[in-house]
Structure formats: C-alpha cells, structure tokens
Amino acid sequence: MILIGIGSALLGLSGLQGFLAGGLGMGLAWLGQAIFISTSTGSALPNKIGELMGLGSGMTVAGVTAIIGFLLGGFSGMTGSLLRKVFRKEPDNLYRGS
C-alpha cells in the first residue's frame, strides 16, 4: 500500500486517477491471487468459508476479496496523490486580489 501511494505521488496523478490506478491494480492482484490459491490447492476451504459467511460459493469470497483489495489500493493511490499536493509549493508571483 505504501508503494502504491509513493508511485501515485511520483507520477503526479490526480486524486481520481490515483484511486482508479491503485484500485484496479490491487483489486486485480488480490483477485488473481485468490483464484490461483483456490485452484492450485484444490481445497474446499473457500467454499466452506463462503457458506459460513452466507455468500454461497468460494468464487464469491474471491470477489469480496477483490473488492476489498480495490478499496485499499484505491485509497492508497488517492492518498499518495493528495499528499503530493500538500507539499507542492505555490508560486509567489501570482496576483492575489485583496
């Protein structure tokens, strides 16, 4: 999450761009990892967890995992881009009405 924020700040993305870029990147990464682990182990645990939580199948659990990853990555990217704006110096030679 820290690397997403730093990357968003270094690239100079706007708040929405940072949110979408970080969210899509992290959401897809978490979804891919959840599907990979579920299919490679052949475990019934995701399905059992889905039934226990009232979600149905293990793929629904993977979808919820992707949504959580999207939100975490999105807010990390937005935080980085907004943090850049905090430290940006405004020019002194601008006319300011009194």
N, C-alpha and C. Protein backbone atom coordinates (compact mmCIF):
# COMPACT_ATOMS: atom_id res chain seq x y z
N MET A 1 0.82 -1.17 0.00
CA MET A 1 0.00 0.00 0.00
C MET A 1 0.88 1.26 0.00
N ILE A 2 1.96 1.19 0.72
CA ILE A 2 2.87 2.33 0.76
C ILE A 2 3.49 2.57 -0.62
N LEU A 3 3.84 1.50 -1.31
CA LEU A 3 4.43 1.64 -2.64
C LEU A 3 3.43 2.21 -3.64
N ILE A 4 2.16 1.86 -3.49
CA ILE A 4 1.14 2.42 -4.37
C ILE A 4 1.02 3.93 -4.13
N GLY A 5 1.03 4.33 -2.88
CA GLY A 5 0.96 5.76 -2.56
C GLY A 5 2.16 6.51 -3.08
N ILE A 6 3.34 5.95 -2.89
CA ILE A 6 4.57 6.59 -3.38
C ILE A 6 4.56 6.68 -4.90
N GLY A 7 4.15 5.61 -5.56
CA GLY A 7 4.08 5.62 -7.01
C GLY A 7 3.10 6.65 -7.54
N SER A 8 1.96 6.75 -6.90
CA SER A 8 0.97 7.74 -7.31
C SER A 8 1.49 9.16 -7.11
N ALA A 9 2.21 9.39 -6.03
CA ALA A 9 2.78 10.71 -5.78
C ALA A 9 3.88 11.04 -6.78
N LEU A 10 4.72 10.07 -7.09
CA LEU A 10 5.82 10.33 -8.02
C LEU A 10 5.32 10.55 -9.44
N LEU A 11 4.24 9.86 -9.82
CA LEU A 11 3.70 10.03 -11.16
C LEU A 11 2.88 11.31 -11.30
N GLY A 12 2.50 11.91 -10.19
CA GLY A 12 1.74 13.15 -10.23
C GLY A 12 0.30 12.97 -10.68
N LEU A 13 -0.30 11.85 -10.31
CA LEU A 13 -1.68 11.58 -10.71
C LEU A 13 -2.65 12.44 -9.92
N SER A 14 -3.81 12.69 -10.50
CA SER A 14 -4.85 13.39 -9.76
C SER A 14 -5.46 12.42 -8.76
N GLY A 15 -6.33 12.92 -7.89
CA GLY A 15 -6.94 12.06 -6.88
C GLY A 15 -7.72 10.91 -7.48
N LEU A 16 -8.54 11.18 -8.51
CA LEU A 16 -9.33 10.14 -9.15
C LEU A 16 -8.45 9.17 -9.91
N GLN A 17 -7.46 9.67 -10.61
CA GLN A 17 -6.54 8.80 -11.35
C GLN A 17 -5.77 7.89 -10.40
N GLY A 18 -5.32 8.44 -9.29
CA GLY A 18 -4.61 7.63 -8.30
C GLY A 18 -5.51 6.57 -7.70
N PHE A 19 -6.77 6.94 -7.42
CA PHE A 19 -7.71 5.98 -6.86
C PHE A 19 -7.98 4.84 -7.83
N LEU A 20 -8.26 5.18 -9.08
CA LEU A 20 -8.57 4.14 -10.06
C LEU A 20 -7.36 3.27 -10.39
N ALA A 21 -6.19 3.88 -10.54
CA ALA A 21 -5.00 3.10 -10.87
C ALA A 21 -4.62 2.17 -9.74
N GLY A 22 -4.58 2.69 -8.53
CA GLY A 22 -4.25 1.84 -7.38
C GLY A 22 -5.32 0.80 -7.12
N GLY A 23 -6.58 1.18 -7.29
CA GLY A 23 -7.68 0.25 -7.05
C GLY A 23 -7.70 -0.88 -8.04
N LEU A 24 -7.56 -0.56 -9.31
CA LEU A 24 -7.58 -1.62 -10.32
C LEU A 24 -6.37 -2.54 -10.18
N GLY A 25 -5.22 -1.96 -9.93
CA GLY A 25 -4.02 -2.78 -9.77
C GLY A 25 -4.12 -3.73 -8.58
N MET A 26 -4.49 -3.20 -7.44
CA MET A 26 -4.55 -4.04 -6.24
C MET A 26 -5.75 -4.99 -6.28
N GLY A 27 -6.87 -4.53 -6.81
CA GLY A 27 -8.05 -5.40 -6.90
C GLY A 27 -7.80 -6.59 -7.80
N LEU A 28 -7.18 -6.35 -8.95
CA LEU A 28 -6.87 -7.46 -9.86
C LEU A 28 -5.81 -8.38 -9.28
N ALA A 29 -4.84 -7.82 -8.57
CA ALA A 29 -3.81 -8.65 -7.95
C ALA A 29 -4.42 -9.56 -6.88
N TRP A 30 -5.29 -9.00 -6.04
CA TRP A 30 -5.91 -9.81 -4.98
C TRP A 30 -6.85 -10.85 -5.57
N LEU A 31 -7.59 -10.49 -6.62
CA LEU A 31 -8.49 -11.45 -7.26
C LEU A 31 -7.68 -12.59 -7.88
N GLY A 32 -6.62 -12.24 -8.59
CA GLY A 32 -5.78 -13.26 -9.20
C GLY A 32 -5.14 -14.19 -8.18
N GLN A 33 -4.67 -13.62 -7.09
CA GLN A 33 -4.05 -14.43 -6.05
C GLN A 33 -5.06 -15.36 -5.39
N ALA A 34 -6.27 -14.85 -5.13
CA ALA A 34 -7.30 -15.68 -4.50
C ALA A 34 -7.72 -16.82 -5.41
N ILE A 35 -7.88 -16.54 -6.70
CA ILE A 35 -8.24 -17.61 -7.65
C ILE A 35 -7.11 -18.60 -7.81
N PHE A 36 -5.87 -18.11 -7.88
CA PHE A 36 -4.72 -19.00 -8.04
C PHE A 36 -4.59 -19.94 -6.85
N ILE A 37 -4.69 -19.41 -5.65
CA ILE A 37 -4.56 -20.25 -4.46
C ILE A 37 -5.70 -21.26 -4.39
N SER A 38 -6.90 -20.82 -4.71
CA SER A 38 -8.07 -21.70 -4.64
C SER A 38 -7.97 -22.84 -5.65
N THR A 39 -7.54 -22.54 -6.87
CA THR A 39 -7.47 -23.59 -7.89
C THR A 39 -6.24 -24.47 -7.75
N SER A 40 -5.13 -23.92 -7.31
CA SER A 40 -3.91 -24.72 -7.23
C SER A 40 -3.92 -25.69 -6.05
N THR A 41 -4.58 -25.34 -4.97
CA THR A 41 -4.62 -26.25 -3.82
C THR A 41 -5.76 -27.24 -3.90
N GLY A 42 -6.83 -26.88 -4.61
CA GLY A 42 -7.97 -27.78 -4.70
C GLY A 42 -8.69 -27.95 -3.37
N SER A 43 -8.50 -27.01 -2.47
CA SER A 43 -9.08 -27.09 -1.14
C SER A 43 -10.56 -26.72 -1.18
N ALA A 44 -11.33 -27.31 -0.28
CA ALA A 44 -12.74 -26.98 -0.14
C ALA A 44 -12.95 -25.81 0.82
N LEU A 45 -11.87 -25.28 1.38
CA LEU A 45 -11.98 -24.22 2.37
C LEU A 45 -12.68 -22.96 1.85
N PRO A 46 -12.38 -22.46 0.64
CA PRO A 46 -13.10 -21.27 0.17
C PRO A 46 -14.61 -21.48 0.10
N ASN A 47 -15.03 -22.65 -0.35
CA ASN A 47 -16.46 -22.93 -0.41
C ASN A 47 -17.07 -23.00 0.99
N LYS A 48 -16.34 -23.58 1.93
CA LYS A 48 -16.84 -23.66 3.30
C LYS A 48 -16.92 -22.27 3.94
N ILE A 49 -15.93 -21.43 3.67
CA ILE A 49 -15.95 -20.06 4.19
C ILE A 49 -17.11 -19.28 3.57
N GLY A 50 -17.35 -19.49 2.29
CA GLY A 50 -18.46 -18.83 1.62
C GLY A 50 -19.80 -19.23 2.22
N GLU A 51 -19.95 -20.51 2.51
CA GLU A 51 -21.19 -20.98 3.14
C GLU A 51 -21.32 -20.43 4.55
N LEU A 52 -20.22 -20.41 5.28
CA LEU A 52 -20.23 -19.92 6.65
C LEU A 52 -20.62 -18.44 6.71
N MET A 53 -20.13 -17.64 5.75
CA MET A 53 -20.42 -16.21 5.72
C MET A 53 -21.75 -15.90 5.04
N GLY A 54 -22.39 -16.91 4.49
CA GLY A 54 -23.66 -16.71 3.80
C GLY A 54 -23.51 -16.14 2.41
N LEU A 55 -22.35 -16.30 1.80
CA LEU A 55 -22.08 -15.77 0.47
C LEU A 55 -22.32 -16.78 -0.63
N GLY A 56 -22.38 -18.04 -0.29
CA GLY A 56 -22.60 -19.07 -1.30
C GLY A 56 -21.33 -19.83 -1.63
N SER A 57 -20.68 -19.46 -2.72
CA SER A 57 -19.52 -20.22 -3.19
C SER A 57 -18.20 -19.55 -2.85
N GLY A 58 -17.14 -20.26 -3.15
CA GLY A 58 -15.80 -19.72 -2.93
C GLY A 58 -15.45 -18.61 -3.90
N MET A 59 -16.06 -18.60 -5.07
CA MET A 59 -15.79 -17.53 -6.04
C MET A 59 -16.37 -16.21 -5.55
N THR A 60 -17.45 -16.27 -4.79
CA THR A 60 -18.00 -15.05 -4.20
C THR A 60 -17.03 -14.50 -3.17
N VAL A 61 -16.40 -15.38 -2.41
CA VAL A 61 -15.39 -14.94 -1.45
C VAL A 61 -14.22 -14.28 -2.18
N ALA A 62 -13.83 -14.83 -3.33
CA ALA A 62 -12.76 -14.22 -4.13
C ALA A 62 -13.19 -12.85 -4.64
N GLY A 63 -14.46 -12.69 -5.01
CA GLY A 63 -14.96 -11.40 -5.45
C GLY A 63 -14.95 -10.36 -4.34
N VAL A 64 -15.35 -10.79 -3.14
CA VAL A 64 -15.32 -9.88 -1.99
C VAL A 64 -13.87 -9.49 -1.68
N THR A 65 -12.97 -10.44 -1.80
CA THR A 65 -11.54 -10.17 -1.61
C THR A 65 -11.05 -9.13 -2.61
N ALA A 66 -11.50 -9.25 -3.87
CA ALA A 66 -11.10 -8.29 -4.90
C ALA A 66 -11.65 -6.89 -4.59
N ILE A 67 -12.88 -6.82 -4.09
CA ILE A 67 -13.46 -5.51 -3.75
C ILE A 67 -12.68 -4.86 -2.62
N ILE A 68 -12.32 -5.64 -1.61
CA ILE A 68 -11.53 -5.10 -0.50
C ILE A 68 -10.17 -4.63 -1.00
N GLY A 69 -9.53 -5.41 -1.88
CA GLY A 69 -8.25 -5.01 -2.46
C GLY A 69 -8.38 -3.75 -3.29
N PHE A 70 -9.49 -3.63 -4.04
CA PHE A 70 -9.73 -2.43 -4.85
C PHE A 70 -9.82 -1.19 -3.96
N LEU A 71 -10.58 -1.30 -2.88
CA LEU A 71 -10.75 -0.15 -1.99
C LEU A 71 -9.44 0.23 -1.30
N LEU A 72 -8.70 -0.77 -0.82
CA LEU A 72 -7.43 -0.47 -0.15
C LEU A 72 -6.41 0.15 -1.12
N GLY A 73 -6.30 -0.44 -2.30
CA GLY A 73 -5.38 0.11 -3.28
C GLY A 73 -5.80 1.47 -3.78
N GLY A 74 -7.11 1.67 -3.95
CA GLY A 74 -7.61 2.95 -4.42
C GLY A 74 -7.35 4.06 -3.44
N PHE A 75 -7.65 3.80 -2.17
CA PHE A 75 -7.41 4.85 -1.18
C PHE A 75 -5.92 5.09 -0.96
N SER A 76 -5.10 4.08 -1.16
CA SER A 76 -3.65 4.28 -1.07
C SER A 76 -3.15 5.17 -2.19
N GLY A 77 -3.64 4.92 -3.42
CA GLY A 77 -3.25 5.76 -4.54
C GLY A 77 -3.74 7.18 -4.40
N MET A 78 -4.97 7.34 -3.92
CA MET A 78 -5.52 8.68 -3.74
C MET A 78 -4.76 9.43 -2.64
N THR A 79 -4.38 8.72 -1.58
CA THR A 79 -3.62 9.35 -0.50
C THR A 79 -2.28 9.84 -1.01
N GLY A 80 -1.61 9.05 -1.82
CA GLY A 80 -0.33 9.47 -2.37
C GLY A 80 -0.44 10.69 -3.26
N SER A 81 -1.46 10.71 -4.11
CA SER A 81 -1.61 11.87 -5.00
C SER A 81 -2.00 13.13 -4.23
N LEU A 82 -2.83 12.99 -3.20
CA LEU A 82 -3.21 14.16 -2.41
C LEU A 82 -2.07 14.62 -1.50
N LEU A 83 -1.23 13.68 -1.06
CA LEU A 83 -0.08 14.05 -0.25
C LEU A 83 0.91 14.88 -1.07
N ARG A 84 1.02 14.57 -2.34
CA ARG A 84 1.89 15.37 -3.22
C ARG A 84 1.40 16.81 -3.29
N LYS A 85 0.09 16.99 -3.34
CA LYS A 85 -0.47 18.34 -3.41
C LYS A 85 -0.20 19.13 -2.13
N VAL A 86 -0.10 18.45 -1.00
CA VAL A 86 0.17 19.13 0.27
C VAL A 86 1.56 19.75 0.24
N PHE A 87 2.53 19.06 -0.34
CA PHE A 87 3.91 19.54 -0.32
C PHE A 87 4.27 20.36 -1.56
N ARG A 88 3.34 20.55 -2.47
CA ARG A 88 3.62 21.33 -3.67
C ARG A 88 3.65 22.82 -3.30
N LYS A 89 4.69 23.50 -3.71
CA LYS A 89 4.83 24.92 -3.40
C LYS A 89 4.11 25.75 -4.45
N GLU A 90 3.32 26.71 -3.98
CA GLU A 90 2.64 27.62 -4.89
C GLU A 90 3.58 28.75 -5.27
N PRO A 91 3.51 29.21 -6.51
CA PRO A 91 4.38 30.33 -6.92
C PRO A 91 4.03 31.60 -6.14
N ASP A 92 5.06 32.37 -5.80
CA ASP A 92 4.86 33.60 -5.04
C ASP A 92 4.45 34.78 -5.91
N ASN A 93 4.63 34.68 -7.21
CA ASN A 93 4.41 35.83 -8.06
C ASN A 93 2.99 35.89 -8.65
N LEU A 94 2.07 35.18 -8.07
CA LEU A 94 0.69 35.23 -8.55
C LEU A 94 -0.04 36.43 -7.97
N TYR A 95 -0.86 37.06 -8.76
CA TYR A 95 -1.66 38.17 -8.26
C TYR A 95 -2.78 37.63 -7.40
N ARG A 96 -2.88 38.15 -6.21
CA ARG A 96 -3.94 37.75 -5.31
C ARG A 96 -4.76 38.99 -4.99
N GLY A 97 -6.02 38.93 -5.30
CA GLY A 97 -6.90 40.06 -5.02
C GLY A 97 -7.06 40.27 -3.53
N SER A 98 -7.23 41.51 -3.12
CA SER A 98 -7.35 41.77 -1.70
C SER A 98 -8.76 42.06 -1.29
